[in-house]
Amino acid sequence: MDKKKSLLLIVLSVFIVDSGQLLLKKGLLDLGALDFAGNLLGSFILAFTNPFVLSGLVLFFLSSFVWLIVLSKSNLSFAYPCLSLGYVIVSILSWFFFNESLSALRLVGLGVIFMGVYFMSRT
């Protein structure tokens, strides 16, 4: 598989898993803080019956299948660092959807990650 197709599949896997992260966060915001120390079974039941949490887990599973395709056709030393794009995407979408803060220093860090992935993709 050529590098462009590999990169597209990597980005697809990242977007799927990042969407799963956002759905998990939404579900847990709806549920509130889980008490795994006090009521482990109740917390698991609450978490795993929430539709957002379940959808997020399904997307994790789907992303794993896409990732298996990537690994079967790409060098791990190329593909794995590209997963760092997920940090950038989740941070920006968390700011947008959940009003989480993005300080100037955090933005610089995200820019460094993005540039690192860009340079890796050029090799």
PDB file of N, CA and C in Angstrom:
ATOM      1  N   MET A   1       0.855  -1.176   0.000  1.00  0.00           N
ATOM      2  CA  MET A   1       0.000   0.000   0.000  1.00  0.00           C
ATOM      3  C   MET A   1       0.897   1.234   0.000  1.00  0.00           C
ATOM      4  N   ASP A   2       0.542   2.218  -0.816  1.00  0.00           N
ATOM      5  CA  ASP A   2       1.360   3.427  -0.839  1.00  0.00           C
ATOM      6  C   ASP A   2       1.126   4.268   0.416  1.00  0.00           C
ATOM      7  N   LYS A   3       2.015   5.222   0.605  1.00  0.00           N
ATOM      8  CA  LYS A   3       2.014   6.008   1.839  1.00  0.00           C
ATOM      9  C   LYS A   3       0.747   6.852   1.991  1.00  0.00           C
ATOM     10  N   LYS A   4       0.209   7.381   0.887  1.00  0.00           N
ATOM     11  CA  LYS A   4      -1.006   8.200   0.982  1.00  0.00           C
ATOM     12  C   LYS A   4      -2.189   7.386   1.487  1.00  0.00           C
ATOM     13  N   LYS A   5      -2.348   6.167   0.958  1.00  0.00           N
ATOM     14  CA  LYS A   5      -3.453   5.320   1.412  1.00  0.00           C
ATOM     15  C   LYS A   5      -3.265   4.933   2.874  1.00  0.00           C
ATOM     16  N   SER A   6      -2.022   4.634   3.243  1.00  0.00           N
ATOM     17  CA  SER A   6      -1.747   4.300   4.641  1.00  0.00           C
ATOM     18  C   SER A   6      -2.096   5.476   5.545  1.00  0.00           C
ATOM     19  N   LEU A   7      -1.689   6.662   5.141  1.00  0.00           N
ATOM     20  CA  LEU A   7      -1.949   7.847   5.950  1.00  0.00           C
ATOM     21  C   LEU A   7      -3.450   8.116   6.065  1.00  0.00           C
ATOM     22  N   LEU A   8      -4.180   7.895   4.991  1.00  0.00           N
ATOM     23  CA  LEU A   8      -5.635   8.072   5.043  1.00  0.00           C
ATOM     24  C   LEU A   8      -6.282   7.081   6.018  1.00  0.00           C
ATOM     25  N   LEU A   9      -5.825   5.836   5.993  1.00  0.00           N
ATOM     26  CA  LEU A   9      -6.363   4.846   6.922  1.00  0.00           C
ATOM     27  C   LEU A   9      -5.982   5.173   8.371  1.00  0.00           C
ATOM     28  N   ILE A  10      -4.778   5.684   8.564  1.00  0.00           N
ATOM     29  CA  ILE A  10      -4.347   6.079   9.907  1.00  0.00           C
ATOM     30  C   ILE A  10      -5.225   7.213  10.412  1.00  0.00           C
ATOM     31  N   VAL A  11      -5.439   8.217   9.578  1.00  0.00           N
ATOM     32  CA  VAL A  11      -6.274   9.358   9.969  1.00  0.00           C
ATOM     33  C   VAL A  11      -7.709   8.892  10.224  1.00  0.00           C
ATOM     34  N   LEU A  12      -8.207   7.964   9.427  1.00  0.00           N
ATOM     35  CA  LEU A  12      -9.543   7.417   9.653  1.00  0.00           C
ATOM     36  C   LEU A  12      -9.608   6.733  11.019  1.00  0.00           C
ATOM     37  N   SER A  13      -8.612   5.926  11.324  1.00  0.00           N
ATOM     38  CA  SER A  13      -8.581   5.248  12.620  1.00  0.00           C
ATOM     39  C   SER A  13      -8.537   6.255  13.757  1.00  0.00           C
ATOM     40  N   VAL A  14      -7.741   7.306  13.596  1.00  0.00           N
ATOM     41  CA  VAL A  14      -7.631   8.340  14.626  1.00  0.00           C
ATOM     42  C   VAL A  14      -8.973   9.058  14.805  1.00  0.00           C
ATOM     43  N   PHE A  15      -9.627   9.425  13.723  1.00  0.00           N
ATOM     44  CA  PHE A  15     -10.921  10.110  13.833  1.00  0.00           C
ATOM     45  C   PHE A  15     -11.976   9.223  14.491  1.00  0.00           C
ATOM     46  N   ILE A  16     -11.949   7.942  14.179  1.00  0.00           N
ATOM     47  CA  ILE A  16     -12.929   7.038  14.785  1.00  0.00           C
ATOM     48  C   ILE A  16     -12.684   6.922  16.287  1.00  0.00           C
ATOM     49  N   VAL A  17     -11.431   6.702  16.682  1.00  0.00           N
ATOM     50  CA  VAL A  17     -11.139   6.541  18.109  1.00  0.00           C
ATOM     51  C   VAL A  17     -11.344   7.860  18.857  1.00  0.00           C
ATOM     52  N   ASP A  18     -11.036   8.982  18.221  1.00  0.00           N
ATOM     53  CA  ASP A  18     -11.264  10.281  18.856  1.00  0.00           C
ATOM     54  C   ASP A  18     -12.752  10.559  19.042  1.00  0.00           C
ATOM     55  N   SER A  19     -13.549  10.165  18.072  1.00  0.00           N
ATOM     56  CA  SER A  19     -14.998  10.298  18.217  1.00  0.00           C
ATOM     57  C   SER A  19     -15.488   9.448  19.382  1.00  0.00           C
ATOM     58  N   GLY A  20     -14.884   8.270  19.533  1.00  0.00           N
ATOM     59  CA  GLY A  20     -15.216   7.423  20.668  1.00  0.00           C
ATOM     60  C   GLY A  20     -14.870   8.087  21.991  1.00  0.00           C
ATOM     61  N   GLN A  21     -13.717   8.748  22.051  1.00  0.00           N
ATOM     62  CA  GLN A  21     -13.322   9.463  23.269  1.00  0.00           C
ATOM     63  C   GLN A  21     -14.341  10.548  23.614  1.00  0.00           C
ATOM     64  N   LEU A  22     -14.765  11.294  22.598  1.00  0.00           N
ATOM     65  CA  LEU A  22     -15.736  12.363  22.837  1.00  0.00           C
ATOM     66  C   LEU A  22     -17.077  11.805  23.315  1.00  0.00           C
ATOM     67  N   LEU A  23     -17.487  10.692  22.755  1.00  0.00           N
ATOM     68  CA  LEU A  23     -18.739  10.079  23.197  1.00  0.00           C
ATOM     69  C   LEU A  23     -18.623   9.554  24.625  1.00  0.00           C
ATOM     70  N   LEU A  24     -17.478   8.966  24.959  1.00  0.00           N
ATOM     71  CA  LEU A  24     -17.263   8.515  26.336  1.00  0.00           C
ATOM     72  C   LEU A  24     -17.350   9.687  27.302  1.00  0.00           C
ATOM     73  N   LYS A  25     -16.698  10.789  26.950  1.00  0.00           N
ATOM     74  CA  LYS A  25     -16.715  11.969  27.817  1.00  0.00           C
ATOM     75  C   LYS A  25     -18.137  12.497  27.982  1.00  0.00           C
ATOM     76  N   LYS A  26     -18.882  12.578  26.897  1.00  0.00           N
ATOM     77  CA  LYS A  26     -20.269  13.044  26.961  1.00  0.00           C
ATOM     78  C   LYS A  26     -21.091  12.145  27.872  1.00  0.00           C
ATOM     79  N   GLY A  27     -20.942  10.845  27.705  1.00  0.00           N
ATOM     80  CA  GLY A  27     -21.681   9.910  28.540  1.00  0.00           C
ATOM     81  C   GLY A  27     -21.327  10.052  30.009  1.00  0.00           C
ATOM     82  N   LEU A  28     -20.052  10.232  30.300  1.00  0.00           N
ATOM     83  CA  LEU A  28     -19.629  10.362  31.689  1.00  0.00           C
ATOM     84  C   LEU A  28     -19.995  11.721  32.268  1.00  0.00           C
ATOM     85  N   LEU A  29     -20.058  12.754  31.452  1.00  0.00           N
ATOM     86  CA  LEU A  29     -20.573  14.038  31.934  1.00  0.00           C
ATOM     87  C   LEU A  29     -22.039  13.909  32.329  1.00  0.00           C
ATOM     88  N   ASP A  30     -22.793  13.152  31.540  1.00  0.00           N
ATOM     89  CA  ASP A  30     -24.200  12.930  31.854  1.00  0.00           C
ATOM     90  C   ASP A  30     -24.365  12.137  33.150  1.00  0.00           C
ATOM     91  N   LEU A  31     -23.482  11.172  33.367  1.00  0.00           N
ATOM     92  CA  LEU A  31     -23.584  10.309  34.548  1.00  0.00           C
ATOM     93  C   LEU A  31     -23.040  10.968  35.810  1.00  0.00           C
ATOM     94  N   GLY A  32     -22.075  11.832  35.648  1.00  0.00           N
ATOM     95  CA  GLY A  32     -21.387  12.385  36.816  1.00  0.00           C
ATOM     96  C   GLY A  32     -20.234  11.480  37.202  1.00  0.00           C
ATOM     97  N   ALA A  33     -19.569  11.824  38.277  1.00  0.00           N
ATOM     98  CA  ALA A  33     -18.406  11.066  38.724  1.00  0.00           C
ATOM     99  C   ALA A  33     -18.819   9.652  39.121  1.00  0.00           C
ATOM    100  N   LEU A  34     -18.069   8.673  38.620  1.00  0.00           N
ATOM    101  CA  LEU A  34     -18.347   7.286  38.966  1.00  0.00           C
ATOM    102  C   LEU A  34     -17.587   6.931  40.237  1.00  0.00           C
ATOM    103  N   ASP A  35     -18.199   6.104  41.064  1.00  0.00           N
ATOM    104  CA  ASP A  35     -17.600   5.711  42.339  1.00  0.00           C
ATOM    105  C   ASP A  35     -17.176   4.249  42.249  1.00  0.00           C
ATOM    106  N   PHE A  36     -16.007   4.023  41.647  1.00  0.00           N
ATOM    107  CA  PHE A  36     -15.534   2.659  41.504  1.00  0.00           C
ATOM    108  C   PHE A  36     -15.033   2.082  42.825  1.00  0.00           C
ATOM    109  N   ALA A  37     -14.698   2.942  43.774  1.00  0.00           N
ATOM    110  CA  ALA A  37     -14.212   2.456  45.064  1.00  0.00           C
ATOM    111  C   ALA A  37     -15.369   1.970  45.928  1.00  0.00           C
ATOM    112  N   GLY A  38     -16.479   2.691  45.921  1.00  0.00           N
ATOM    113  CA  GLY A  38     -17.589   2.358  46.804  1.00  0.00           C
ATOM    114  C   GLY A  38     -18.565   1.362  46.210  1.00  0.00           C
ATOM    115  N   ASN A  39     -18.965   1.589  44.964  1.00  0.00           N
ATOM    116  CA  ASN A  39     -19.992   0.757  44.351  1.00  0.00           C
ATOM    117  C   ASN A  39     -19.530   0.361  42.952  1.00  0.00           C
ATOM    118  N   LEU A  40     -18.591  -0.554  42.899  1.00  0.00           N
ATOM    119  CA  LEU A  40     -17.970  -0.959  41.642  1.00  0.00           C
ATOM    120  C   LEU A  40     -18.992  -1.490  40.638  1.00  0.00           C
ATOM    121  N   LEU A  41     -19.817  -2.413  41.060  1.00  0.00           N
ATOM    122  CA  LEU A  41     -20.792  -3.012  40.145  1.00  0.00           C
ATOM    123  C   LEU A  41     -21.801  -1.984  39.648  1.00  0.00           C
ATOM    124  N   GLY A  42     -22.303  -1.156  40.555  1.00  0.00           N
ATOM    125  CA  GLY A  42     -23.259  -0.128  40.163  1.00  0.00           C
ATOM    126  C   GLY A  42     -22.662   0.865  39.177  1.00  0.00           C
ATOM    127  N   SER A  43     -21.404   1.233  39.399  1.00  0.00           N
ATOM    128  CA  SER A  43     -20.739   2.167  38.490  1.00  0.00           C
ATOM    129  C   SER A  43     -20.549   1.550  37.108  1.00  0.00           C
ATOM    130  N   PHE A  44     -20.180   0.280  37.059  1.00  0.00           N
ATOM    131  CA  PHE A  44     -20.029  -0.393  35.770  1.00  0.00           C
ATOM    132  C   PHE A  44     -21.375  -0.475  35.047  1.00  0.00           C
ATOM    133  N   ILE A  45     -22.421  -0.799  35.767  1.00  0.00           N
ATOM    134  CA  ILE A  45     -23.735  -0.899  35.147  1.00  0.00           C
ATOM    135  C   ILE A  45     -24.173   0.461  34.605  1.00  0.00           C
ATOM    136  N   LEU A  46     -23.984   1.510  35.399  1.00  0.00           N
ATOM    137  CA  LEU A  46     -24.323   2.861  34.929  1.00  0.00           C
ATOM    138  C   LEU A  46     -23.539   3.221  33.672  1.00  0.00           C
ATOM    139  N   ALA A  47     -22.229   2.995  33.714  1.00  0.00           N
ATOM    140  CA  ALA A  47     -21.379   3.376  32.587  1.00  0.00           C
ATOM    141  C   ALA A  47     -21.725   2.580  31.336  1.00  0.00           C
ATOM    142  N   PHE A  48     -21.892   1.272  31.481  1.00  0.00           N
ATOM    143  CA  PHE A  48     -22.068   0.426  30.304  1.00  0.00           C
ATOM    144  C   PHE A  48     -23.505   0.367  29.794  1.00  0.00           C
ATOM    145  N   THR A  49     -24.420   1.045  30.456  1.00  0.00           N
ATOM    146  CA  THR A  49     -25.776   1.141  29.928  1.00  0.00           C
ATOM    147  C   THR A  49     -26.063   2.532  29.368  1.00  0.00           C
ATOM    148  N   ASN A  50     -25.099   3.437  29.483  1.00  0.00           N
ATOM    149  CA  ASN A  50     -25.264   4.765  28.914  1.00  0.00           C
ATOM    150  C   ASN A  50     -25.039   4.686  27.403  1.00  0.00           C
ATOM    151  N   PRO A  51     -25.953   5.198  26.582  1.00  0.00           N
ATOM    152  CA  PRO A  51     -25.813   5.070  25.123  1.00  0.00           C
ATOM    153  C   PRO A  51     -24.564   5.762  24.566  1.00  0.00           C
ATOM    154  N   PHE A  52     -24.145   6.862  25.182  1.00  0.00           N
ATOM    155  CA  PHE A  52     -22.938   7.530  24.698  1.00  0.00           C
ATOM    156  C   PHE A  52     -21.689   6.695  25.005  1.00  0.00           C
ATOM    157  N   VAL A  53     -21.649   6.139  26.189  1.00  0.00           N
ATOM    158  CA  VAL A  53     -20.512   5.287  26.560  1.00  0.00           C
ATOM    159  C   VAL A  53     -20.474   4.056  25.666  1.00  0.00           C
ATOM    160  N   LEU A  54     -21.615   3.425  25.465  1.00  0.00           N
ATOM    161  CA  LEU A  54     -21.665   2.249  24.591  1.00  0.00           C
ATOM    162  C   LEU A  54     -21.236   2.593  23.162  1.00  0.00           C
ATOM    163  N   SER A  55     -21.709   3.724  22.660  1.00  0.00           N
ATOM    164  CA  SER A  55     -21.321   4.147  21.305  1.00  0.00           C
ATOM    165  C   SER A  55     -19.825   4.401  21.223  1.00  0.00           C
ATOM    166  N   GLY A  56     -19.263   5.025  22.256  1.00  0.00           N
ATOM    167  CA  GLY A  56     -17.826   5.263  22.281  1.00  0.00           C
ATOM    168  C   GLY A  56     -17.041   3.972  22.256  1.00  0.00           C
ATOM    169  N   LEU A  57     -17.485   2.982  23.003  1.00  0.00           N
ATOM    170  CA  LEU A  57     -16.800   1.692  23.025  1.00  0.00           C
ATOM    171  C   LEU A  57     -16.897   0.982  21.676  1.00  0.00           C
ATOM    172  N   VAL A  58     -18.054   1.102  21.025  1.00  0.00           N
ATOM    173  CA  VAL A  58     -18.216   0.517  19.689  1.00  0.00           C
ATOM    174  C   VAL A  58     -17.230   1.169  18.716  1.00  0.00           C
ATOM    175  N   LEU A  59     -17.076   2.477  18.816  1.00  0.00           N
ATOM    176  CA  LEU A  59     -16.128   3.163  17.927  1.00  0.00           C
ATOM    177  C   LEU A  59     -14.687   2.742  18.221  1.00  0.00           C
ATOM    178  N   PHE A  60     -14.350   2.516  19.490  1.00  0.00           N
ATOM    179  CA  PHE A  60     -13.020   1.991  19.815  1.00  0.00           C
ATOM    180  C   PHE A  60     -12.788   0.662  19.115  1.00  0.00           C
ATOM    181  N   PHE A  61     -13.789  -0.202  19.166  1.00  0.00           N
ATOM    182  CA  PHE A  61     -13.703  -1.513  18.547  1.00  0.00           C
ATOM    183  C   PHE A  61     -13.541  -1.379  17.029  1.00  0.00           C
ATOM    184  N   LEU A  62     -14.332  -0.509  16.417  1.00  0.00           N
ATOM    185  CA  LEU A  62     -14.242  -0.278  14.972  1.00  0.00           C
ATOM    186  C   LEU A  62     -12.874   0.277  14.591  1.00  0.00           C
ATOM    187  N   SER A  63     -12.384   1.204  15.377  1.00  0.00           N
ATOM    188  CA  SER A  63     -11.072   1.778  15.117  1.00  0.00           C
ATOM    189  C   SER A  63      -9.986   0.711  15.167  1.00  0.00           C
ATOM    190  N   SER A  64     -10.154  -0.257  16.044  1.00  0.00           N
ATOM    191  CA  SER A  64      -9.174  -1.343  16.141  1.00  0.00           C
ATOM    192  C   SER A  64      -9.118  -2.153  14.848  1.00  0.00           C
ATOM    193  N   PHE A  65     -10.253  -2.359  14.222  1.00  0.00           N
ATOM    194  CA  PHE A  65     -10.255  -3.075  12.948  1.00  0.00           C
ATOM    195  C   PHE A  65      -9.531  -2.280  11.862  1.00  0.00           C
ATOM    196  N   VAL A  66      -9.790  -0.990  11.802  1.00  0.00           N
ATOM    197  CA  VAL A  66      -9.086  -0.152  10.827  1.00  0.00           C
ATOM    198  C   VAL A  66      -7.586  -0.180  11.119  1.00  0.00           C
ATOM    199  N   TRP A  67      -7.237  -0.137  12.411  1.00  0.00           N
ATOM    200  CA  TRP A  67      -5.831  -0.146  12.796  1.00  0.00           C
ATOM    201  C   TRP A  67      -5.161  -1.458  12.387  1.00  0.00           C
ATOM    202  N   LEU A  68      -5.873  -2.566  12.474  1.00  0.00           N
ATOM    203  CA  LEU A  68      -5.317  -3.847  12.027  1.00  0.00           C
ATOM    204  C   LEU A  68      -4.985  -3.808  10.535  1.00  0.00           C
ATOM    205  N   ILE A  69      -5.831  -3.172   9.761  1.00  0.00           N
ATOM    206  CA  ILE A  69      -5.553  -3.026   8.324  1.00  0.00           C
ATOM    207  C   ILE A  69      -4.298  -2.191   8.131  1.00  0.00           C
ATOM    208  N   VAL A  70      -4.198  -1.088   8.888  1.00  0.00           N
ATOM    209  CA  VAL A  70      -3.012  -0.233   8.802  1.00  0.00           C
ATOM    210  C   VAL A  70      -1.756  -1.040   9.117  1.00  0.00           C
ATOM    211  N   LEU A  71      -1.790  -1.779  10.216  1.00  0.00           N
ATOM    212  CA  LEU A  71      -0.602  -2.537  10.630  1.00  0.00           C
ATOM    213  C   LEU A  71      -0.220  -3.618   9.633  1.00  0.00           C
ATOM    214  N   SER A  72      -1.203  -4.149   8.926  1.00  0.00           N
ATOM    215  CA  SER A  72      -0.903  -5.196   7.953  1.00  0.00           C
ATOM    216  C   SER A  72      -0.257  -4.646   6.685  1.00  0.00           C
ATOM    217  N   LYS A  73      -0.351  -3.331   6.489  1.00  0.00           N
ATOM    218  CA  LYS A  73       0.116  -2.749   5.230  1.00  0.00           C
ATOM    219  C   LYS A  73       1.164  -1.644   5.391  1.00  0.00           C
ATOM    220  N   SER A  74       1.480  -1.266   6.631  1.00  0.00           N
ATOM    221  CA  SER A  74       2.379  -0.131   6.855  1.00  0.00           C
ATOM    222  C   SER A  74       3.455  -0.502   7.869  1.00  0.00           C
ATOM    223  N   ASN A  75       4.527   0.247   7.844  1.00  0.00           N
ATOM    224  CA  ASN A  75       5.557   0.096   8.867  1.00  0.00           C
ATOM    225  C   ASN A  75       5.045   0.674  10.178  1.00  0.00           C
ATOM    226  N   LEU A  76       5.236  -0.062  11.246  1.00  0.00           N
ATOM    227  CA  LEU A  76       4.809   0.403  12.561  1.00  0.00           C
ATOM    228  C   LEU A  76       5.552   1.681  12.944  1.00  0.00           C
ATOM    229  N   SER A  77       6.807   1.785  12.556  1.00  0.00           N
ATOM    230  CA  SER A  77       7.597   2.977  12.886  1.00  0.00           C
ATOM    231  C   SER A  77       7.078   4.228  12.178  1.00  0.00           C
ATOM    232  N   PHE A  78       6.306   4.045  11.123  1.00  0.00           N
ATOM    233  CA  PHE A  78       5.654   5.164  10.446  1.00  0.00           C
ATOM    234  C   PHE A  78       4.255   5.397  11.025  1.00  0.00           C
ATOM    235  N   ALA A  79       3.496   4.323  11.179  1.00  0.00           N
ATOM    236  CA  ALA A  79       2.083   4.445  11.541  1.00  0.00           C
ATOM    237  C   ALA A  79       1.881   4.891  12.984  1.00  0.00           C
ATOM    238  N   TYR A  80       2.612   4.300  13.907  1.00  0.00           N
ATOM    239  CA  TYR A  80       2.337   4.548  15.317  1.00  0.00           C
ATOM    240  C   TYR A  80       2.526   6.011  15.725  1.00  0.00           C
ATOM    241  N   PRO A  81       3.603   6.674  15.326  1.00  0.00           N
ATOM    242  CA  PRO A  81       3.730   8.094  15.704  1.00  0.00           C
ATOM    243  C   PRO A  81       2.599   8.971  15.153  1.00  0.00           C
ATOM    244  N   CYS A  82       2.000   8.561  14.046  1.00  0.00           N
ATOM    245  CA  CYS A  82       0.903   9.338  13.474  1.00  0.00           C
ATOM    246  C   CYS A  82      -0.336   9.335  14.362  1.00  0.00           C
ATOM    247  N   LEU A  83      -0.430   8.365  15.268  1.00  0.00           N
ATOM    248  CA  LEU A  83      -1.554   8.346  16.200  1.00  0.00           C
ATOM    249  C   LEU A  83      -1.564   9.574  17.093  1.00  0.00           C
ATOM    250  N   SER A  84      -0.424  10.250  17.188  1.00  0.00           N
ATOM    251  CA  SER A  84      -0.340  11.462  18.009  1.00  0.00           C
ATOM    252  C   SER A  84      -1.284  12.549  17.530  1.00  0.00           C
ATOM    253  N   LEU A  85      -1.720  12.457  16.286  1.00  0.00           N
ATOM    254  CA  LEU A  85      -2.717  13.411  15.790  1.00  0.00           C
ATOM    255  C   LEU A  85      -3.961  13.410  16.668  1.00  0.00           C
ATOM    256  N   GLY A  86      -4.227  12.278  17.292  1.00  0.00           N
ATOM    257  CA  GLY A  86      -5.381  12.167  18.172  1.00  0.00           C
ATOM    258  C   GLY A  86      -5.335  13.161  19.314  1.00  0.00           C
ATOM    259  N   TYR A  87      -4.135  13.445  19.841  1.00  0.00           N
ATOM    260  CA  TYR A  87      -4.010  14.427  20.917  1.00  0.00           C
ATOM    261  C   TYR A  87      -4.469  15.804  20.445  1.00  0.00           C
ATOM    262  N   VAL A  88      -4.079  16.132  19.237  1.00  0.00           N
ATOM    263  CA  VAL A  88      -4.432  17.438  18.680  1.00  0.00           C
ATOM    264  C   VAL A  88      -5.938  17.520  18.446  1.00  0.00           C
ATOM    265  N   ILE A  89      -6.475  16.500  17.816  1.00  0.00           N
ATOM    266  CA  ILE A  89      -7.896  16.499  17.468  1.00  0.00           C
ATOM    267  C   ILE A  89      -8.769  16.512  18.715  1.00  0.00           C
ATOM    268  N   VAL A  90      -8.462  15.644  19.681  1.00  0.00           N
ATOM    269  CA  VAL A  90      -9.276  15.572  20.896  1.00  0.00           C
ATOM    270  C   VAL A  90      -9.199  16.870  21.681  1.00  0.00           C
ATOM    271  N   SER A  91      -8.029  17.465  21.746  1.00  0.00           N
ATOM    272  CA  SER A  91      -7.894  18.724  22.492  1.00  0.00           C
ATOM    273  C   SER A  91      -8.747  19.828  21.880  1.00  0.00           C
ATOM    274  N   ILE A  92      -8.695  19.940  20.573  1.00  0.00           N
ATOM    275  CA  ILE A  92      -9.466  20.985  19.893  1.00  0.00           C
ATOM    276  C   ILE A  92     -10.966  20.714  20.003  1.00  0.00           C
ATOM    277  N   LEU A  93     -11.370  19.465  19.794  1.00  0.00           N
ATOM    278  CA  LEU A  93     -12.795  19.146  19.880  1.00  0.00           C
ATOM    279  C   LEU A  93     -13.313  19.221  21.314  1.00  0.00           C
ATOM    280  N   SER A  94     -12.463  18.937  22.292  1.00  0.00           N
ATOM    281  CA  SER A  94     -12.876  19.082  23.693  1.00  0.00           C
ATOM    282  C   SER A  94     -13.081  20.549  24.044  1.00  0.00           C
ATOM    283  N   TRP A  95     -12.261  21.391  23.466  1.00  0.00           N
ATOM    284  CA  TRP A  95     -12.440  22.838  23.646  1.00  0.00           C
ATOM    285  C   TRP A  95     -13.778  23.264  23.028  1.00  0.00           C
ATOM    286  N   PHE A  96     -14.042  22.760  21.827  1.00  0.00           N
ATOM    287  CA  PHE A  96     -15.241  23.156  21.091  1.00  0.00           C
ATOM    288  C   PHE A  96     -16.514  22.608  21.743  1.00  0.00           C
ATOM    289  N   PHE A  97     -16.538  21.316  22.057  1.00  0.00           N
ATOM    290  CA  PHE A  97     -17.765  20.681  22.547  1.00  0.00           C
ATOM    291  C   PHE A  97     -17.958  20.788  24.052  1.00  0.00           C
ATOM    292  N   PHE A  98     -16.869  20.775  24.810  1.00  0.00           N
ATOM    293  CA  PHE A  98     -16.986  20.719  26.266  1.00  0.00           C
ATOM    294  C   PHE A  98     -16.466  21.965  26.961  1.00  0.00           C
ATOM    295  N   ASN A  99     -16.100  22.965  26.161  1.00  0.00           N
ATOM    296  CA  ASN A  99     -15.622  24.229  26.718  1.00  0.00           C
ATOM    297  C   ASN A  99     -14.392  24.040  27.624  1.00  0.00           C
ATOM    298  N   GLU A 100     -13.546  23.065  27.280  1.00  0.00           N
ATOM    299  CA  GLU A 100     -12.314  22.861  28.028  1.00  0.00           C
ATOM    300  C   GLU A 100     -11.293  23.903  27.595  1.00  0.00           C
ATOM    301  N   SER A 101     -10.406  24.251  28.488  1.00  0.00           N
ATOM    302  CA  SER A 101      -9.470  25.333  28.193  1.00  0.00           C
ATOM    303  C   SER A 101      -8.342  24.864  27.275  1.00  0.00           C
ATOM    304  N   LEU A 102      -7.909  25.791  26.445  1.00  0.00           N
ATOM    305  CA  LEU A 102      -6.743  25.595  25.583  1.00  0.00           C
ATOM    306  C   LEU A 102      -5.833  26.805  25.776  1.00  0.00           C
ATOM    307  N   SER A 103      -4.904  26.678  26.692  1.00  0.00           N
ATOM    308  CA  SER A 103      -3.985  27.786  26.956  1.00  0.00           C
ATOM    309  C   SER A 103      -3.023  27.944  25.782  1.00  0.00           C
ATOM    310  N   ALA A 104      -2.341  29.067  25.766  1.00  0.00           N
ATOM    311  CA  ALA A 104      -1.366  29.331  24.703  1.00  0.00           C
ATOM    312  C   ALA A 104      -0.272  28.265  24.707  1.00  0.00           C
ATOM    313  N   LEU A 105       0.189  27.889  25.886  1.00  0.00           N
ATOM    314  CA  LEU A 105       1.245  26.884  25.973  1.00  0.00           C
ATOM    315  C   LEU A 105       0.754  25.520  25.475  1.00  0.00           C
ATOM    316  N   ARG A 106      -0.478  25.187  25.785  1.00  0.00           N
ATOM    317  CA  ARG A 106      -1.047  23.931  25.282  1.00  0.00           C
ATOM    318  C   ARG A 106      -1.167  23.964  23.766  1.00  0.00           C
ATOM    319  N   LEU A 107      -1.563  25.107  23.215  1.00  0.00           N
ATOM    320  CA  LEU A 107      -1.647  25.238  21.756  1.00  0.00           C
ATOM    321  C   LEU A 107      -0.275  25.083  21.104  1.00  0.00           C
ATOM    322  N   VAL A 108       0.751  25.637  21.734  1.00  0.00           N
ATOM    323  CA  VAL A 108       2.113  25.472  21.204  1.00  0.00           C
ATOM    324  C   VAL A 108       2.482  23.995  21.205  1.00  0.00           C
ATOM    325  N   GLY A 109       2.185  23.303  22.305  1.00  0.00           N
ATOM    326  CA  GLY A 109       2.466  21.872  22.377  1.00  0.00           C
ATOM    327  C   GLY A 109       1.731  21.088  21.306  1.00  0.00           C
ATOM    328  N   LEU A 110       0.477  21.421  21.080  1.00  0.00           N
ATOM    329  CA  LEU A 110      -0.293  20.745  20.036  1.00  0.00           C
ATOM    330  C   LEU A 110       0.288  21.038  18.654  1.00  0.00           C
ATOM    331  N   GLY A 111       0.770  22.271  18.462  1.00  0.00           N
ATOM    332  CA  GLY A 111       1.421  22.616  17.200  1.00  0.00           C
ATOM    333  C   GLY A 111       2.690  21.806  16.978  1.00  0.00           C
ATOM    334  N   VAL A 112       3.456  21.598  18.041  1.00  0.00           N
ATOM    335  CA  VAL A 112       4.679  20.792  17.946  1.00  0.00           C
ATOM    336  C   VAL A 112       4.321  19.350  17.568  1.00  0.00           C
ATOM    337  N   ILE A 113       3.281  18.813  18.191  1.00  0.00           N
ATOM    338  CA  ILE A 113       2.848  17.453  17.860  1.00  0.00           C
ATOM    339  C   ILE A 113       2.431  17.379  16.396  1.00  0.00           C
ATOM    340  N   PHE A 114       1.631  18.349  15.961  1.00  0.00           N
ATOM    341  CA  PHE A 114       1.161  18.351  14.574  1.00  0.00           C
ATOM    342  C   PHE A 114       2.335  18.416  13.604  1.00  0.00           C
ATOM    343  N   MET A 115       3.283  19.280  13.887  1.00  0.00           N
ATOM    344  CA  MET A 115       4.448  19.402  13.000  1.00  0.00           C
ATOM    345  C   MET A 115       5.277  18.119  13.013  1.00  0.00           C
ATOM    346  N   GLY A 116       5.381  17.481  14.170  1.00  0.00           N
ATOM    347  CA  GLY A 116       6.105  16.216  14.242  1.00  0.00           C
ATOM    348  C   GLY A 116       5.464  15.155  13.358  1.00  0.00           C
ATOM    349  N   VAL A 117       4.144  15.077  13.419  1.00  0.00           N
ATOM    350  CA  VAL A 117       3.441  14.109  12.563  1.00  0.00           C
ATOM    351  C   VAL A 117       3.605  14.491  11.095  1.00  0.00           C
ATOM    352  N   TYR A 118       3.550  15.767  10.790  1.00  0.00           N
ATOM    353  CA  TYR A 118       3.742  16.216   9.410  1.00  0.00           C
ATOM    354  C   TYR A 118       5.121  15.793   8.900  1.00  0.00           C
ATOM    355  N   PHE A 119       6.157  16.041   9.683  1.00  0.00           N
ATOM    356  CA  PHE A 119       7.510  15.671   9.272  1.00  0.00           C
ATOM    357  C   PHE A 119       7.640  14.147   9.125  1.00  0.00           C
ATOM    358  N   MET A 120       7.014  13.399  10.047  1.00  0.00           N
ATOM    359  CA  MET A 120       7.061  11.930   9.956  1.00  0.00           C
ATOM    360  C   MET A 120       6.393  11.474   8.657  1.00  0.00           C
ATOM    361  N   SER A 121       5.309  12.110   8.288  1.00  0.00           N
ATOM    362  CA  SER A 121       4.578  11.684   7.092  1.00  0.00           C
ATOM    363  C   SER A 121       5.361  11.958   5.813  1.00  0.00           C
ATOM    364  N   ARG A 122       6.321  12.832   5.885  1.00  0.00           N
ATOM    365  CA  ARG A 122       7.116  13.202   4.716  1.00  0.00           C
ATOM    366  C   ARG A 122       8.286  12.234   4.474  1.00  0.00           C
ATOM    367  N   THR A 123       8.525  11.323   5.420  1.00  0.00           N
ATOM    368  CA  THR A 123       9.680  10.428   5.280  1.00  0.00           C
ATOM    369  C   THR A 123       9.326   9.167   4.533  1.00  0.00           C
TER     370      THR A 123
END
